[in-house]
Amino acid sequence: MRKLVFVAGLAVGYVLGAKAGRERYEQLRASAERVRSNPAVRNGVDSAALAGRQAAARAAGAVVDRAGDRLPEGVAGKLRAVGGRESASDETFADDWGTTR
């Protein structure tokens, strides 16, 4: 993951600092678009997003278990919702962070 962030930072730095002109910028942009539209990359991004949501739910559950009674009710309610400890009237809904469950 750190390598990916480093390479992305390198690419952004090159694009922002390059004196190669618009043509090279367009080539880099087109290459980035091809990578982004690759099904394997999209699947990897989706898997990483799912893993992140699951980790956030586990962490939220741990926080509620350990400090739930000391948290303000609004915060505890949000954490319970993220952790999946509140039942929703609808199976799929968008939470306040813009994700859908």
PDB file of N, CA and C in Angstrom:
ATOM      1  N   MET A   1       0.825  -1.190   0.000  1.00  0.00           N
ATOM      2  CA  MET A   1       0.000   0.000   0.000  1.00  0.00           C
ATOM      3  C   MET A   1       0.867   1.250   0.000  1.00  0.00           C
ATOM      4  N   ARG A   2       1.942   1.237   0.777  1.00  0.00           N
ATOM      5  CA  ARG A   2       2.811   2.410   0.832  1.00  0.00           C
ATOM      6  C   ARG A   2       3.478   2.654  -0.511  1.00  0.00           C
ATOM      7  N   LYS A   3       3.825   1.545  -1.207  1.00  0.00           N
ATOM      8  CA  LYS A   3       4.423   1.705  -2.532  1.00  0.00           C
ATOM      9  C   LYS A   3       3.448   2.377  -3.482  1.00  0.00           C
ATOM     10  N   LEU A   4       2.185   1.950  -3.415  1.00  0.00           N
ATOM     11  CA  LEU A   4       1.170   2.523  -4.292  1.00  0.00           C
ATOM     12  C   LEU A   4       1.006   4.016  -4.031  1.00  0.00           C
ATOM     13  N   VAL A   5       0.958   4.401  -2.776  1.00  0.00           N
ATOM     14  CA  VAL A   5       0.822   5.821  -2.429  1.00  0.00           C
ATOM     15  C   VAL A   5       2.061   6.584  -2.904  1.00  0.00           C
ATOM     16  N   PHE A   6       3.229   5.990  -2.729  1.00  0.00           N
ATOM     17  CA  PHE A   6       4.455   6.646  -3.171  1.00  0.00           C
ATOM     18  C   PHE A   6       4.447   6.843  -4.684  1.00  0.00           C
ATOM     19  N   VAL A   7       4.081   5.797  -5.429  1.00  0.00           N
ATOM     20  CA  VAL A   7       4.052   5.890  -6.895  1.00  0.00           C
ATOM     21  C   VAL A   7       3.014   6.920  -7.336  1.00  0.00           C
ATOM     22  N   ALA A   8       1.860   6.929  -6.672  1.00  0.00           N
ATOM     23  CA  ALA A   8       0.837   7.922  -7.016  1.00  0.00           C
ATOM     24  C   ALA A   8       1.348   9.333  -6.747  1.00  0.00           C
ATOM     25  N   GLY A   9       2.030   9.522  -5.629  1.00  0.00           N
ATOM     26  CA  GLY A   9       2.598  10.833  -5.318  1.00  0.00           C
ATOM     27  C   GLY A   9       3.655  11.237  -6.323  1.00  0.00           C
ATOM     28  N   LEU A  10       4.451  10.259  -6.742  1.00  0.00           N
ATOM     29  CA  LEU A  10       5.469  10.513  -7.756  1.00  0.00           C
ATOM     30  C   LEU A  10       4.823  10.960  -9.065  1.00  0.00           C
ATOM     31  N   ALA A  11       3.763  10.266  -9.458  1.00  0.00           N
ATOM     32  CA  ALA A  11       3.070  10.612 -10.702  1.00  0.00           C
ATOM     33  C   ALA A  11       2.461  12.006 -10.624  1.00  0.00           C
ATOM     34  N   VAL A  12       1.832  12.312  -9.507  1.00  0.00           N
ATOM     35  CA  VAL A  12       1.233  13.644  -9.337  1.00  0.00           C
ATOM     36  C   VAL A  12       2.315  14.711  -9.360  1.00  0.00           C
ATOM     37  N   GLY A  13       3.413  14.453  -8.680  1.00  0.00           N
ATOM     38  CA  GLY A  13       4.521  15.411  -8.686  1.00  0.00           C
ATOM     39  C   GLY A  13       5.078  15.631 -10.073  1.00  0.00           C
ATOM     40  N   TYR A  14       5.179  14.557 -10.828  1.00  0.00           N
ATOM     41  CA  TYR A  14       5.689  14.702 -12.199  1.00  0.00           C
ATOM     42  C   TYR A  14       4.737  15.543 -13.035  1.00  0.00           C
ATOM     43  N   VAL A  15       3.447  15.224 -12.934  1.00  0.00           N
ATOM     44  CA  VAL A  15       2.462  15.956 -13.739  1.00  0.00           C
ATOM     45  C   VAL A  15       2.464  17.431 -13.366  1.00  0.00           C
ATOM     46  N   LEU A  16       2.515  17.724 -12.083  1.00  0.00           N
ATOM     47  CA  LEU A  16       2.476  19.118 -11.655  1.00  0.00           C
ATOM     48  C   LEU A  16       3.773  19.864 -11.960  1.00  0.00           C
ATOM     49  N   GLY A  17       4.891  19.142 -11.942  1.00  0.00           N
ATOM     50  CA  GLY A  17       6.167  19.817 -12.112  1.00  0.00           C
ATOM     51  C   GLY A  17       6.804  19.649 -13.480  1.00  0.00           C
ATOM     52  N   ALA A  18       6.197  18.867 -14.320  1.00  0.00           N
ATOM     53  CA  ALA A  18       6.825  18.564 -15.618  1.00  0.00           C
ATOM     54  C   ALA A  18       6.792  19.770 -16.552  1.00  0.00           C
ATOM     55  N   LYS A  19       7.813  19.856 -17.354  1.00  0.00           N
ATOM     56  CA  LYS A  19       7.864  20.903 -18.373  1.00  0.00           C
ATOM     57  C   LYS A  19       7.650  20.281 -19.753  1.00  0.00           C
ATOM     58  N   ALA A  20       7.114  19.065 -19.773  1.00  0.00           N
ATOM     59  CA  ALA A  20       6.920  18.345 -21.021  1.00  0.00           C
ATOM     60  C   ALA A  20       5.748  18.891 -21.828  1.00  0.00           C
ATOM     61  N   GLY A  21       4.882  19.645 -21.201  1.00  0.00           N
ATOM     62  CA  GLY A  21       3.797  20.281 -21.927  1.00  0.00           C
ATOM     63  C   GLY A  21       2.493  19.508 -21.887  1.00  0.00           C
ATOM     64  N   ARG A  22       1.545  20.050 -22.586  1.00  0.00           N
ATOM     65  CA  ARG A  22       0.184  19.517 -22.577  1.00  0.00           C
ATOM     66  C   ARG A  22       0.103  18.118 -23.179  1.00  0.00           C
ATOM     67  N   GLU A  23       0.879  17.856 -24.209  1.00  0.00           N
ATOM     68  CA  GLU A  23       0.816  16.554 -24.880  1.00  0.00           C
ATOM     69  C   GLU A  23       1.197  15.423 -23.906  1.00  0.00           C
ATOM     70  N   ARG A  24       2.271  15.605 -23.171  1.00  0.00           N
ATOM     71  CA  ARG A  24       2.696  14.585 -22.211  1.00  0.00           C
ATOM     72  C   ARG A  24       1.669  14.444 -21.091  1.00  0.00           C
ATOM     73  N   TYR A  25       1.104  15.558 -20.673  1.00  0.00           N
ATOM     74  CA  TYR A  25       0.057  15.515 -19.650  1.00  0.00           C
ATOM     75  C   TYR A  25      -1.122  14.678 -20.131  1.00  0.00           C
ATOM     76  N   GLU A  26      -1.547  14.880 -21.366  1.00  0.00           N
ATOM     77  CA  GLU A  26      -2.669  14.121 -21.927  1.00  0.00           C
ATOM     78  C   GLU A  26      -2.333  12.639 -22.019  1.00  0.00           C
ATOM     79  N   GLN A  27      -1.075  12.310 -22.360  1.00  0.00           N
ATOM     80  CA  GLN A  27      -0.658  10.905 -22.406  1.00  0.00           C
ATOM     81  C   GLN A  27      -0.757  10.275 -21.013  1.00  0.00           C
ATOM     82  N   LEU A  28      -0.265  10.987 -20.017  1.00  0.00           N
ATOM     83  CA  LEU A  28      -0.329  10.471 -18.647  1.00  0.00           C
ATOM     84  C   LEU A  28      -1.767  10.331 -18.164  1.00  0.00           C
ATOM     85  N   ARG A  29      -2.583  11.294 -18.492  1.00  0.00           N
ATOM     86  CA  ARG A  29      -3.984  11.245 -18.094  1.00  0.00           C
ATOM     87  C   ARG A  29      -4.689  10.064 -18.745  1.00  0.00           C
ATOM     88  N   ALA A  30      -4.427   9.829 -20.025  1.00  0.00           N
ATOM     89  CA  ALA A  30      -5.036   8.705 -20.731  1.00  0.00           C
ATOM     90  C   ALA A  30      -4.559   7.372 -20.138  1.00  0.00           C
ATOM     91  N   SER A  31      -3.282   7.299 -19.787  1.00  0.00           N
ATOM     92  CA  SER A  31      -2.765   6.078 -19.169  1.00  0.00           C
ATOM     93  C   SER A  31      -3.427   5.835 -17.818  1.00  0.00           C
ATOM     94  N   ALA A  32      -3.568   6.877 -17.034  1.00  0.00           N
ATOM     95  CA  ALA A  32      -4.217   6.756 -15.729  1.00  0.00           C
ATOM     96  C   ALA A  32      -5.670   6.320 -15.898  1.00  0.00           C
ATOM     97  N   GLU A  33      -6.346   6.828 -16.889  1.00  0.00           N
ATOM     98  CA  GLU A  33      -7.734   6.452 -17.144  1.00  0.00           C
ATOM     99  C   GLU A  33      -7.834   4.977 -17.537  1.00  0.00           C
ATOM    100  N   ARG A  34      -6.888   4.500 -18.353  1.00  0.00           N
ATOM    101  CA  ARG A  34      -6.881   3.081 -18.731  1.00  0.00           C
ATOM    102  C   ARG A  34      -6.685   2.197 -17.500  1.00  0.00           C
ATOM    103  N   VAL A  35      -5.787   2.602 -16.623  1.00  0.00           N
ATOM    104  CA  VAL A  35      -5.551   1.825 -15.405  1.00  0.00           C
ATOM    105  C   VAL A  35      -6.799   1.845 -14.533  1.00  0.00           C
ATOM    106  N   ARG A  36      -7.385   3.012 -14.381  1.00  0.00           N
ATOM    107  CA  ARG A  36      -8.570   3.150 -13.528  1.00  0.00           C
ATOM    108  C   ARG A  36      -9.755   2.354 -14.060  1.00  0.00           C
ATOM    109  N   SER A  37      -9.880   2.222 -15.364  1.00  0.00           N
ATOM    110  CA  SER A  37     -11.014   1.502 -15.938  1.00  0.00           C
ATOM    111  C   SER A  37     -10.760   0.005 -16.076  1.00  0.00           C
ATOM    112  N   ASN A  38      -9.581  -0.454 -15.721  1.00  0.00           N
ATOM    113  CA  ASN A  38      -9.253  -1.866 -15.774  1.00  0.00           C
ATOM    114  C   ASN A  38     -10.116  -2.620 -14.760  1.00  0.00           C
ATOM    115  N   PRO A  39     -10.784  -3.693 -15.175  1.00  0.00           N
ATOM    116  CA  PRO A  39     -11.649  -4.431 -14.241  1.00  0.00           C
ATOM    117  C   PRO A  39     -10.902  -4.957 -13.010  1.00  0.00           C
ATOM    118  N   ALA A  40      -9.664  -5.380 -13.177  1.00  0.00           N
ATOM    119  CA  ALA A  40      -8.903  -5.886 -12.033  1.00  0.00           C
ATOM    120  C   ALA A  40      -8.649  -4.771 -11.023  1.00  0.00           C
ATOM    121  N   VAL A  41      -8.364  -3.584 -11.502  1.00  0.00           N
ATOM    122  CA  VAL A  41      -8.138  -2.444 -10.609  1.00  0.00           C
ATOM    123  C   VAL A  41      -9.434  -2.066  -9.906  1.00  0.00           C
ATOM    124  N   ARG A  42     -10.522  -2.028 -10.667  1.00  0.00           N
ATOM    125  CA  ARG A  42     -11.818  -1.705 -10.057  1.00  0.00           C
ATOM    126  C   ARG A  42     -12.187  -2.718  -8.981  1.00  0.00           C
ATOM    127  N   ASN A  43     -11.958  -4.015  -9.265  1.00  0.00           N
ATOM    128  CA  ASN A  43     -12.258  -5.044  -8.264  1.00  0.00           C
ATOM    129  C   ASN A  43     -11.392  -4.862  -7.024  1.00  0.00           C
ATOM    130  N   GLY A  44     -10.131  -4.522  -7.231  1.00  0.00           N
ATOM    131  CA  GLY A  44      -9.238  -4.281  -6.095  1.00  0.00           C
ATOM    132  C   GLY A  44      -9.687  -3.105  -5.261  1.00  0.00           C
ATOM    133  N   VAL A  45     -10.106  -2.041  -5.912  1.00  0.00           N
ATOM    134  CA  VAL A  45     -10.594  -0.853  -5.202  1.00  0.00           C
ATOM    135  C   VAL A  45     -11.866  -1.200  -4.428  1.00  0.00           C
ATOM    136  N   ASP A  46     -12.768  -1.947  -5.073  1.00  0.00           N
ATOM    137  CA  ASP A  46     -13.995  -2.341  -4.385  1.00  0.00           C
ATOM    138  C   ASP A  46     -13.693  -3.230  -3.179  1.00  0.00           C
ATOM    139  N   SER A  47     -12.765  -4.162  -3.345  1.00  0.00           N
ATOM    140  CA  SER A  47     -12.388  -5.044  -2.232  1.00  0.00           C
ATOM    141  C   SER A  47     -11.770  -4.247  -1.090  1.00  0.00           C
ATOM    142  N   ALA A  48     -10.915  -3.296  -1.428  1.00  0.00           N
ATOM    143  CA  ALA A  48     -10.294  -2.463  -0.399  1.00  0.00           C
ATOM    144  C   ALA A  48     -11.345  -1.619   0.319  1.00  0.00           C
ATOM    145  N   ALA A  49     -12.315  -1.093  -0.415  1.00  0.00           N
ATOM    146  CA  ALA A  49     -13.374  -0.298   0.202  1.00  0.00           C
ATOM    147  C   ALA A  49     -14.213  -1.158   1.140  1.00  0.00           C
ATOM    148  N   LEU A  50     -14.537  -2.376   0.721  1.00  0.00           N
ATOM    149  CA  LEU A  50     -15.305  -3.280   1.569  1.00  0.00           C
ATOM    150  C   LEU A  50     -14.526  -3.633   2.829  1.00  0.00           C
ATOM    151  N   ALA A  51     -13.247  -3.940   2.664  1.00  0.00           N
ATOM    152  CA  ALA A  51     -12.405  -4.266   3.818  1.00  0.00           C
ATOM    153  C   ALA A  51     -12.329  -3.074   4.776  1.00  0.00           C
ATOM    154  N   GLY A  52     -12.248  -1.869   4.236  1.00  0.00           N
ATOM    155  CA  GLY A  52     -12.218  -0.667   5.074  1.00  0.00           C
ATOM    156  C   GLY A  52     -13.506  -0.479   5.841  1.00  0.00           C
ATOM    157  N   ARG A  53     -14.643  -0.703   5.183  1.00  0.00           N
ATOM    158  CA  ARG A  53     -15.930  -0.586   5.878  1.00  0.00           C
ATOM    159  C   ARG A  53     -16.067  -1.636   6.977  1.00  0.00           C
ATOM    160  N   GLN A  54     -15.597  -2.860   6.694  1.00  0.00           N
ATOM    161  CA  GLN A  54     -15.670  -3.913   7.705  1.00  0.00           C
ATOM    162  C   GLN A  54     -14.768  -3.589   8.895  1.00  0.00           C
ATOM    163  N   ALA A  55     -13.575  -3.084   8.614  1.00  0.00           N
ATOM    164  CA  ALA A  55     -12.667  -2.714   9.702  1.00  0.00           C
ATOM    165  C   ALA A  55     -13.253  -1.575  10.531  1.00  0.00           C
ATOM    166  N   ALA A  56     -13.883  -0.618   9.868  1.00  0.00           N
ATOM    167  CA  ALA A  56     -14.512   0.499  10.584  1.00  0.00           C
ATOM    168  C   ALA A  56     -15.652  -0.009  11.460  1.00  0.00           C
ATOM    169  N   ALA A  57     -16.410  -0.971  10.971  1.00  0.00           N
ATOM    170  CA  ALA A  57     -17.506  -1.529  11.764  1.00  0.00           C
ATOM    171  C   ALA A  57     -16.972  -2.259  12.990  1.00  0.00           C
ATOM    172  N   ARG A  58     -15.887  -3.025  12.811  1.00  0.00           N
ATOM    173  CA  ARG A  58     -15.292  -3.721  13.958  1.00  0.00           C
ATOM    174  C   ARG A  58     -14.754  -2.712  14.978  1.00  0.00           C
ATOM    175  N   ALA A  59     -14.077  -1.672  14.488  1.00  0.00           N
ATOM    176  CA  ALA A  59     -13.524  -0.659  15.390  1.00  0.00           C
ATOM    177  C   ALA A  59     -14.642   0.086  16.111  1.00  0.00           C
ATOM    178  N   ALA A  60     -15.701   0.412  15.401  1.00  0.00           N
ATOM    179  CA  ALA A  60     -16.823   1.106  16.031  1.00  0.00           C
ATOM    180  C   ALA A  60     -17.455   0.226  17.090  1.00  0.00           C
ATOM    181  N   GLY A  61     -17.582  -1.053  16.817  1.00  0.00           N
ATOM    182  CA  GLY A  61     -18.129  -1.984  17.809  1.00  0.00           C
ATOM    183  C   GLY A  61     -17.261  -2.048  19.051  1.00  0.00           C
ATOM    184  N   ALA A  62     -15.955  -2.070  18.857  1.00  0.00           N
ATOM    185  CA  ALA A  62     -15.038  -2.117  19.999  1.00  0.00           C
ATOM    186  C   ALA A  62     -15.142  -0.847  20.832  1.00  0.00           C
ATOM    187  N   VAL A  63     -15.278   0.301  20.186  1.00  0.00           N
ATOM    188  CA  VAL A  63     -15.398   1.565  20.921  1.00  0.00           C
ATOM    189  C   VAL A  63     -16.694   1.588  21.713  1.00  0.00           C
ATOM    190  N   VAL A  64     -17.787   1.152  21.100  1.00  0.00           N
ATOM    191  CA  VAL A  64     -19.068   1.140  21.806  1.00  0.00           C
ATOM    192  C   VAL A  64     -19.011   0.174  22.983  1.00  0.00           C
ATOM    193  N   ASP A  65     -18.373  -0.995  22.792  1.00  0.00           N
ATOM    194  CA  ASP A  65     -18.265  -1.965  23.883  1.00  0.00           C
ATOM    195  C   ASP A  65     -17.473  -1.399  25.055  1.00  0.00           C
ATOM    196  N   ARG A  66     -16.408  -0.692  24.776  1.00  0.00           N
ATOM    197  CA  ARG A  66     -15.525  -0.222  25.837  1.00  0.00           C
ATOM    198  C   ARG A  66     -15.952   1.108  26.449  1.00  0.00           C
ATOM    199  N   ALA A  67     -16.503   2.005  25.640  1.00  0.00           N
ATOM    200  CA  ALA A  67     -16.780   3.347  26.157  1.00  0.00           C
ATOM    201  C   ALA A  67     -18.187   3.818  25.826  1.00  0.00           C
ATOM    202  N   GLY A  68     -19.054   2.919  25.457  1.00  0.00           N
ATOM    203  CA  GLY A  68     -20.391   3.302  25.005  1.00  0.00           C
ATOM    204  C   GLY A  68     -21.177   4.128  25.990  1.00  0.00           C
ATOM    205  N   ASP A  69     -21.105   3.779  27.279  1.00  0.00           N
ATOM    206  CA  ASP A  69     -21.896   4.515  28.262  1.00  0.00           C
ATOM    207  C   ASP A  69     -21.300   5.876  28.595  1.00  0.00           C
ATOM    208  N   ARG A  70     -20.044   6.108  28.228  1.00  0.00           N
ATOM    209  CA  ARG A  70     -19.408   7.404  28.497  1.00  0.00           C
ATOM    210  C   ARG A  70     -19.463   8.341  27.295  1.00  0.00           C
ATOM    211  N   LEU A  71     -19.968   7.839  26.175  1.00  0.00           N
ATOM    212  CA  LEU A  71     -20.046   8.652  24.961  1.00  0.00           C
ATOM    213  C   LEU A  71     -21.369   9.406  24.904  1.00  0.00           C
ATOM    214  N   PRO A  72     -21.372  10.592  24.286  1.00  0.00           N
ATOM    215  CA  PRO A  72     -22.654  11.268  24.057  1.00  0.00           C
ATOM    216  C   PRO A  72     -23.557  10.368  23.214  1.00  0.00           C
ATOM    217  N   GLU A  73     -24.840  10.429  23.431  1.00  0.00           N
ATOM    218  CA  GLU A  73     -25.768   9.517  22.763  1.00  0.00           C
ATOM    219  C   GLU A  73     -25.691   9.619  21.246  1.00  0.00           C
ATOM    220  N   GLY A  74     -25.494  10.818  20.725  1.00  0.00           N
ATOM    221  CA  GLY A  74     -25.390  10.963  19.271  1.00  0.00           C
ATOM    222  C   GLY A  74     -24.196  10.205  18.709  1.00  0.00           C
ATOM    223  N   VAL A  75     -23.070  10.290  19.385  1.00  0.00           N
ATOM    224  CA  VAL A  75     -21.859   9.595  18.949  1.00  0.00           C
ATOM    225  C   VAL A  75     -22.055   8.092  19.082  1.00  0.00           C
ATOM    226  N   ALA A  76     -22.583   7.662  20.212  1.00  0.00           N
ATOM    227  CA  ALA A  76     -22.806   6.232  20.429  1.00  0.00           C
ATOM    228  C   ALA A  76     -23.776   5.679  19.386  1.00  0.00           C
ATOM    229  N   GLY A  77     -24.807   6.456  19.053  1.00  0.00           N
ATOM    230  CA  GLY A  77     -25.765   6.015  18.033  1.00  0.00           C
ATOM    231  C   GLY A  77     -25.110   5.846  16.668  1.00  0.00           C
ATOM    232  N   LYS A  78     -24.242   6.799  16.311  1.00  0.00           N
ATOM    233  CA  LYS A  78     -23.527   6.692  15.034  1.00  0.00           C
ATOM    234  C   LYS A  78     -22.634   5.463  15.022  1.00  0.00           C
ATOM    235  N   LEU A  79     -21.922   5.251  16.124  1.00  0.00           N
ATOM    236  CA  LEU A  79     -21.022   4.103  16.192  1.00  0.00           C
ATOM    237  C   LEU A  79     -21.796   2.790  16.141  1.00  0.00           C
ATOM    238  N   ARG A  80     -22.939   2.733  16.794  1.00  0.00           N
ATOM    239  CA  ARG A  80     -23.758   1.518  16.724  1.00  0.00           C
ATOM    240  C   ARG A  80     -24.262   1.299  15.306  1.00  0.00           C
ATOM    241  N   ALA A  81     -24.625   2.384  14.612  1.00  0.00           N
ATOM    242  CA  ALA A  81     -25.103   2.258  13.236  1.00  0.00           C
ATOM    243  C   ALA A  81     -23.996   1.751  12.322  1.00  0.00           C
ATOM    244  N   VAL A  82     -22.780   2.274  12.495  1.00  0.00           N
ATOM    245  CA  VAL A  82     -21.652   1.830  11.672  1.00  0.00           C
ATOM    246  C   VAL A  82     -21.310   0.385  11.995  1.00  0.00           C
ATOM    247  N   GLY A  83     -21.385   0.039  13.267  1.00  0.00           N
ATOM    248  CA  GLY A  83     -21.046  -1.304  13.700  1.00  0.00           C
ATOM    249  C   GLY A  83     -22.125  -2.328  13.407  1.00  0.00           C
ATOM    250  N   GLY A  84     -23.253  -1.883  12.874  1.00  0.00           N
ATOM    251  CA  GLY A  84     -24.326  -2.804  12.517  1.00  0.00           C
ATOM    252  C   GLY A  84     -25.137  -3.275  13.701  1.00  0.00           C
ATOM    253  N   ARG A  85     -25.164  -2.510  14.778  1.00  0.00           N
ATOM    254  CA  ARG A  85     -25.889  -2.917  15.980  1.00  0.00           C
ATOM    255  C   ARG A  85     -27.246  -2.263  16.090  1.00  0.00           C
ATOM    256  N   GLU A  86     -27.620  -1.489  15.097  1.00  0.00           N
ATOM    257  CA  GLU A  86     -28.963  -0.926  15.063  1.00  0.00           C
ATOM    258  C   GLU A  86     -29.642  -1.493  13.835  1.00  0.00           C
ATOM    259  N   SER A  87     -30.856  -1.897  13.982  1.00  0.00           N
ATOM    260  CA  SER A  87     -31.566  -2.421  12.819  1.00  0.00           C
ATOM    261  C   SER A  87     -32.174  -1.256  12.064  1.00  0.00           C
ATOM    262  N   ALA A  88     -32.104  -1.351  10.773  1.00  0.00           N
ATOM    263  CA  ALA A  88     -32.678  -0.313   9.926  1.00  0.00           C
ATOM    264  C   ALA A  88     -34.020  -0.792   9.406  1.00  0.00           C
ATOM    265  N   SER A  89     -34.919   0.137   9.143  1.00  0.00           N
ATOM    266  CA  SER A  89     -36.213  -0.247   8.614  1.00  0.00           C
ATOM    267  C   SER A  89     -36.083  -0.724   7.171  1.00  0.00           C
ATOM    268  N   ASP A  90     -35.077  -0.264   6.488  1.00  0.00           N
ATOM    269  CA  ASP A  90     -34.838  -0.629   5.097  1.00  0.00           C
ATOM    270  C   ASP A  90     -33.496  -1.340   5.020  1.00  0.00           C
ATOM    271  N   GLU A  91     -33.389  -2.384   4.216  1.00  0.00           N
ATOM    272  CA  GLU A  91     -32.146  -3.141   4.106  1.00  0.00           C
ATOM    273  C   GLU A  91     -31.005  -2.292   3.564  1.00  0.00           C
ATOM    274  N   THR A  92     -31.274  -1.436   2.590  1.00  0.00           N
ATOM    275  CA  THR A  92     -30.236  -0.623   1.975  1.00  0.00           C
ATOM    276  C   THR A  92     -30.544   0.839   2.228  1.00  0.00           C
ATOM    277  N   PHE A  93     -29.593   1.553   2.812  1.00  0.00           N
ATOM    278  CA  PHE A  93     -29.771   2.972   3.033  1.00  0.00           C
ATOM    279  C   PHE A  93     -28.411   3.642   3.014  1.00  0.00           C
ATOM    280  N   ALA A  94     -28.396   4.936   2.773  1.00  0.00           N
ATOM    281  CA  ALA A  94     -27.150   5.685   2.759  1.00  0.00           C
ATOM    282  C   ALA A  94     -26.977   6.336   4.118  1.00  0.00           C
ATOM    283  N   ASP A  95     -25.800   6.149   4.708  1.00  0.00           N
ATOM    284  CA  ASP A  95     -25.545   6.779   5.988  1.00  0.00           C
ATOM    285  C   ASP A  95     -25.013   8.189   5.775  1.00  0.00           C
ATOM    286  N   ASP A  96     -24.690   8.878   6.861  1.00  0.00           N
ATOM    287  CA  ASP A  96     -24.251  10.270   6.780  1.00  0.00           C
ATOM    288  C   ASP A  96     -22.872  10.433   6.142  1.00  0.00           C
ATOM    289  N   TRP A  97     -22.130   9.327   6.001  1.00  0.00           N
ATOM    290  CA  TRP A  97     -20.813   9.410   5.398  1.00  0.00           C
ATOM    291  C   TRP A  97     -20.854   9.128   3.904  1.00  0.00           C
ATOM    292  N   GLY A  98     -22.029   8.928   3.341  1.00  0.00           N
ATOM    293  CA  GLY A  98     -22.159   8.734   1.909  1.00  0.00           C
ATOM    294  C   GLY A  98     -21.981   7.304   1.455  1.00  0.00           C
ATOM    295  N   THR A  99     -21.860   6.357   2.377  1.00  0.00           N
ATOM    296  CA  THR A  99     -21.748   4.962   1.983  1.00  0.00           C
ATOM    297  C   THR A  99     -23.100   4.298   2.073  1.00  0.00           C
ATOM    298  N   THR A 100     -23.258   3.218   1.384  1.00  0.00           N
ATOM    299  CA  THR A 100     -24.531   2.509   1.368  1.00  0.00           C
ATOM    300  C   THR A 100     -24.361   1.138   1.990  1.00  0.00           C
ATOM    301  N   ARG A 101     -25.329   0.731   2.750  1.00  0.00           N
ATOM    302  CA  ARG A 101     -25.298  -0.616   3.308  1.00  0.00           C
ATOM    303  C   ARG A 101     -26.526  -1.364   2.903  1.00  0.00           C
TER     304      ARG A 101
END
